[in-house]
Amino acid sequence: MAENISDTGDSSTSQVQMQLYATDMDACDLVLYTGKAEHMYVTRVESNKQFQETMLSKCTLFFFNNIMPELLCRWIQQSIPNPPPHPGICFSGKPEKGRIVKCAEINCCTKLFHYPCVGLRRKPKSVNWYCPVCVCMSSVVPT
């Protein structure tokens, strides 16, 4: 039974393909075992670079739109109901009140941040301050 699972679209496809990507391998052998020797299935899985790049892009967006704001603002931990998916100011979605810093990245989707939400206690020394998301997304090195 030879089948290329790289195109089946099941949940194992993503896992196997991303493991191939992470280990920089061209292929691997997938063994499926149901508990009975006669139901053991072995297939060769080839690396699918296009699928991997699509998944990497989706995972990156998920991280920066969901995980990063949670790490910085703790919406779930604080039980804030209905946090804004793309807040206009800061990750917290709170009003423009208190000390605010502006991200120097032109394409920043948020722009303004409360000092405590980005871990600042005082005004940044640099004129060009970059928010954590922009630093990670564009590999901008803050000065």
C-alpha atoms as a PDB file:
ATOM      1  CA  MET A   1       0.000   0.000   0.000  1.00  0.00           C
ATOM      2  CA  ALA A   2       2.054   2.948  -1.177  1.00  0.00           C
ATOM      3  CA  GLU A   3       0.402   6.302  -0.753  1.00  0.00           C
ATOM      4  CA  ASN A   4       1.936   9.747  -0.522  1.00  0.00           C
ATOM      5  CA  ILE A   5       0.437  11.222   2.635  1.00  0.00           C
ATOM      6  CA  SER A   6       1.945  14.631   1.922  1.00  0.00           C
ATOM      7  CA  ASP A   7      -1.155  15.470  -0.113  1.00  0.00           C
ATOM      8  CA  THR A   8      -3.916  13.796   1.924  1.00  0.00           C
ATOM      9  CA  GLY A   9      -4.734  16.813   4.083  1.00  0.00           C
ATOM     10  CA  ASP A  10      -5.203  14.814   7.291  1.00  0.00           C
ATOM     11  CA  SER A  11      -3.841  15.965  10.654  1.00  0.00           C
ATOM     12  CA  SER A  12      -0.746  13.772  10.403  1.00  0.00           C
ATOM     13  CA  THR A  13       0.258  15.569   7.197  1.00  0.00           C
ATOM     14  CA  SER A  14       0.969  18.825   8.991  1.00  0.00           C
ATOM     15  CA  GLN A  15       2.864  17.163  11.807  1.00  0.00           C
ATOM     16  CA  VAL A  16       5.045  14.994   9.571  1.00  0.00           C
ATOM     17  CA  GLN A  17       5.729  17.772   7.075  1.00  0.00           C
ATOM     18  CA  MET A  18       6.705  20.267   9.762  1.00  0.00           C
ATOM     19  CA  GLN A  19       8.960  17.697  11.429  1.00  0.00           C
ATOM     20  CA  LEU A  20      10.660  17.196   8.056  1.00  0.00           C
ATOM     21  CA  TYR A  21      11.008  20.977   7.798  1.00  0.00           C
ATOM     22  CA  ALA A  22      12.399  21.358  11.346  1.00  0.00           C
ATOM     23  CA  THR A  23      14.951  18.593  10.823  1.00  0.00           C
ATOM     24  CA  ASP A  24      15.797  19.697   7.268  1.00  0.00           C
ATOM     25  CA  MET A  25      15.179  16.183   5.923  1.00  0.00           C
ATOM     26  CA  ASP A  26      14.017  15.326   2.417  1.00  0.00           C
ATOM     27  CA  ALA A  27      11.939  12.301   3.419  1.00  0.00           C
ATOM     28  CA  CYS A  28      11.051   9.884   6.208  1.00  0.00           C
ATOM     29  CA  ASP A  29       9.299   6.558   6.633  1.00  0.00           C
ATOM     30  CA  LEU A  30       5.955   6.760   8.413  1.00  0.00           C
ATOM     31  CA  VAL A  31       4.833   3.660  10.292  1.00  0.00           C
ATOM     32  CA  LEU A  32       1.189   3.359  11.327  1.00  0.00           C
ATOM     33  CA  TYR A  33       0.364   0.524  13.691  1.00  0.00           C
ATOM     34  CA  THR A  34      -3.160  -0.312  14.886  1.00  0.00           C
ATOM     35  CA  GLY A  35      -2.260  -3.006  17.390  1.00  0.00           C
ATOM     36  CA  LYS A  36      -2.357  -5.980  15.055  1.00  0.00           C
ATOM     37  CA  ALA A  37       0.653  -7.033  13.022  1.00  0.00           C
ATOM     38  CA  GLU A  38      -1.423  -7.475   9.865  1.00  0.00           C
ATOM     39  CA  HIS A  39      -2.561  -3.848  10.167  1.00  0.00           C
ATOM     40  CA  MET A  40       0.876  -2.274  10.136  1.00  0.00           C
ATOM     41  CA  TYR A  41       1.318   0.278   7.368  1.00  0.00           C
ATOM     42  CA  VAL A  42       4.626   1.780   6.202  1.00  0.00           C
ATOM     43  CA  THR A  43       4.904   4.574   3.673  1.00  0.00           C
ATOM     44  CA  ARG A  44       7.576   6.938   2.468  1.00  0.00           C
ATOM     45  CA  VAL A  45       6.784  10.624   3.042  1.00  0.00           C
ATOM     46  CA  GLU A  46       8.549  13.098   0.793  1.00  0.00           C
ATOM     47  CA  SER A  47       9.164  16.666   1.894  1.00  0.00           C
ATOM     48  CA  ASN A  48       6.654  19.092   0.376  1.00  0.00           C
ATOM     49  CA  LYS A  49       8.341  22.525   0.485  1.00  0.00           C
ATOM     50  CA  GLN A  50       5.271  24.402  -0.775  1.00  0.00           C
ATOM     51  CA  PHE A  51       3.063  22.866   1.940  1.00  0.00           C
ATOM     52  CA  GLN A  52       5.720  23.599   4.582  1.00  0.00           C
ATOM     53  CA  GLU A  53       6.032  27.265   3.557  1.00  0.00           C
ATOM     54  CA  THR A  54       2.237  27.672   3.638  1.00  0.00           C
ATOM     55  CA  MET A  55       2.057  26.100   7.110  1.00  0.00           C
ATOM     56  CA  LEU A  56       4.988  28.182   8.343  1.00  0.00           C
ATOM     57  CA  SER A  57       3.256  31.347   7.159  1.00  0.00           C
ATOM     58  CA  LYS A  58      -0.003  30.353   8.880  1.00  0.00           C
ATOM     59  CA  CYS A  59       1.816  29.424  12.092  1.00  0.00           C
ATOM     60  CA  THR A  60       3.709  32.722  12.100  1.00  0.00           C
ATOM     61  CA  LEU A  61       0.475  34.701  11.738  1.00  0.00           C
ATOM     62  CA  PHE A  62      -1.169  32.628  14.464  1.00  0.00           C
ATOM     63  CA  PHE A  63       1.765  33.235  16.794  1.00  0.00           C
ATOM     64  CA  PHE A  64       1.838  36.999  16.311  1.00  0.00           C
ATOM     65  CA  ASN A  65      -1.954  37.464  16.333  1.00  0.00           C
ATOM     66  CA  ASN A  66      -2.727  35.128  19.249  1.00  0.00           C
ATOM     67  CA  ILE A  67       0.231  33.813  21.231  1.00  0.00           C
ATOM     68  CA  MET A  68       2.409  36.964  21.394  1.00  0.00           C
ATOM     69  CA  PRO A  69      -0.415  39.230  22.650  1.00  0.00           C
ATOM     70  CA  GLU A  70      -1.318  36.628  25.272  1.00  0.00           C
ATOM     71  CA  LEU A  71       2.281  36.394  26.442  1.00  0.00           C
ATOM     72  CA  LEU A  72       2.507  40.174  26.706  1.00  0.00           C
ATOM     73  CA  CYS A  73      -0.968  41.024  28.044  1.00  0.00           C
ATOM     74  CA  ARG A  74      -2.249  37.805  29.629  1.00  0.00           C
ATOM     75  CA  TRP A  75      -5.845  38.202  28.358  1.00  0.00           C
ATOM     76  CA  ILE A  76      -6.778  34.620  29.177  1.00  0.00           C
ATOM     77  CA  GLN A  77      -4.990  34.650  32.509  1.00  0.00           C
ATOM     78  CA  GLN A  78      -6.774  37.909  33.449  1.00  0.00           C
ATOM     79  CA  SER A  79     -10.095  36.593  32.056  1.00  0.00           C
ATOM     80  CA  ILE A  80     -10.662  39.694  29.935  1.00  0.00           C
ATOM     81  CA  PRO A  81     -13.857  39.019  27.952  1.00  0.00           C
ATOM     82  CA  ASN A  82     -13.661  39.480  24.194  1.00  0.00           C
ATOM     83  CA  PRO A  83     -10.151  40.871  23.774  1.00  0.00           C
ATOM     84  CA  PRO A  84      -9.853  42.803  20.505  1.00  0.00           C
ATOM     85  CA  PRO A  85      -8.275  40.724  17.701  1.00  0.00           C
ATOM     86  CA  HIS A  86      -6.453  43.722  16.219  1.00  0.00           C
ATOM     87  CA  PRO A  87      -6.548  46.554  18.723  1.00  0.00           C
ATOM     88  CA  GLY A  88      -5.970  50.096  17.538  1.00  0.00           C
ATOM     89  CA  ILE A  89      -3.912  50.896  20.600  1.00  0.00           C
ATOM     90  CA  CYS A  90      -1.813  48.373  22.416  1.00  0.00           C
ATOM     91  CA  PHE A  91      -2.423  44.656  22.810  1.00  0.00           C
ATOM     92  CA  SER A  92      -4.648  45.329  25.804  1.00  0.00           C
ATOM     93  CA  GLY A  93      -7.291  47.256  23.857  1.00  0.00           C
ATOM     94  CA  LYS A  94      -7.525  49.724  26.743  1.00  0.00           C
ATOM     95  CA  PRO A  95      -8.047  53.428  25.999  1.00  0.00           C
ATOM     96  CA  GLU A  96      -5.187  55.751  25.095  1.00  0.00           C
ATOM     97  CA  LYS A  97      -4.519  56.728  28.669  1.00  0.00           C
ATOM     98  CA  GLY A  98      -1.346  57.013  30.701  1.00  0.00           C
ATOM     99  CA  ARG A  99       2.155  56.811  29.298  1.00  0.00           C
ATOM    100  CA  ILE A 100       2.208  55.723  25.655  1.00  0.00           C
ATOM    101  CA  VAL A 101       5.095  54.797  23.348  1.00  0.00           C
ATOM    102  CA  LYS A 102       4.925  54.698  19.558  1.00  0.00           C
ATOM    103  CA  CYS A 103       6.478  51.925  17.471  1.00  0.00           C
ATOM    104  CA  ALA A 104       8.892  53.291  14.848  1.00  0.00           C
ATOM    105  CA  GLU A 105       8.057  50.528  12.357  1.00  0.00           C
ATOM    106  CA  ILE A 106       6.047  52.078   9.514  1.00  0.00           C
ATOM    107  CA  ASN A 107       4.007  48.909   8.940  1.00  0.00           C
ATOM    108  CA  CYS A 108       3.217  48.244  12.609  1.00  0.00           C
ATOM    109  CA  CYS A 109      -0.447  47.256  12.857  1.00  0.00           C
ATOM    110  CA  THR A 110      -0.812  48.552  16.405  1.00  0.00           C
ATOM    111  CA  LYS A 111       1.479  51.640  16.574  1.00  0.00           C
ATOM    112  CA  LEU A 112       0.780  52.825  20.145  1.00  0.00           C
ATOM    113  CA  PHE A 113       1.463  50.893  23.348  1.00  0.00           C
ATOM    114  CA  HIS A 114       1.022  51.464  27.071  1.00  0.00           C
ATOM    115  CA  TYR A 115       4.364  51.375  28.875  1.00  0.00           C
ATOM    116  CA  PRO A 116       3.410  48.494  31.227  1.00  0.00           C
ATOM    117  CA  CYS A 117       2.035  46.363  28.370  1.00  0.00           C
ATOM    118  CA  VAL A 118       5.444  46.270  26.680  1.00  0.00           C
ATOM    119  CA  GLY A 119       7.486  46.129  29.881  1.00  0.00           C
ATOM    120  CA  LEU A 120       8.622  49.764  29.942  1.00  0.00           C
ATOM    121  CA  ARG A 121       9.035  51.746  33.141  1.00  0.00           C
ATOM    122  CA  ARG A 122      10.496  54.877  31.603  1.00  0.00           C
ATOM    123  CA  LYS A 123      10.808  56.560  28.226  1.00  0.00           C
ATOM    124  CA  PRO A 124      13.006  54.532  25.834  1.00  0.00           C
ATOM    125  CA  LYS A 125      16.481  56.007  25.326  1.00  0.00           C
ATOM    126  CA  SER A 126      16.306  55.520  21.570  1.00  0.00           C
ATOM    127  CA  VAL A 127      14.225  57.752  19.322  1.00  0.00           C
ATOM    128  CA  ASN A 128      13.356  54.670  17.229  1.00  0.00           C
ATOM    129  CA  TRP A 129      11.611  52.239  19.586  1.00  0.00           C
ATOM    130  CA  TYR A 130      10.176  49.020  18.090  1.00  0.00           C
ATOM    131  CA  CYS A 131       7.400  46.957  19.635  1.00  0.00           C
ATOM    132  CA  PRO A 132       8.070  43.262  20.412  1.00  0.00           C
ATOM    133  CA  VAL A 133       5.993  42.050  17.449  1.00  0.00           C
ATOM    134  CA  CYS A 134       7.854  44.220  14.922  1.00  0.00           C
ATOM    135  CA  VAL A 135      11.197  43.210  16.402  1.00  0.00           C
ATOM    136  CA  CYS A 136      10.296  39.525  15.953  1.00  0.00           C
ATOM    137  CA  MET A 137       8.565  39.898  12.573  1.00  0.00           C
ATOM    138  CA  SER A 138      11.240  41.911  10.821  1.00  0.00           C
ATOM    139  CA  SER A 139      14.287  41.039  12.871  1.00  0.00           C
ATOM    140  CA  VAL A 140      14.774  44.743  13.569  1.00  0.00           C
ATOM    141  CA  VAL A 141      17.479  45.181  16.148  1.00  0.00           C
ATOM    142  CA  PRO A 142      16.443  47.853  18.656  1.00  0.00           C
ATOM    143  CA  THR A 143      19.075  50.494  19.298  1.00  0.00           C
END
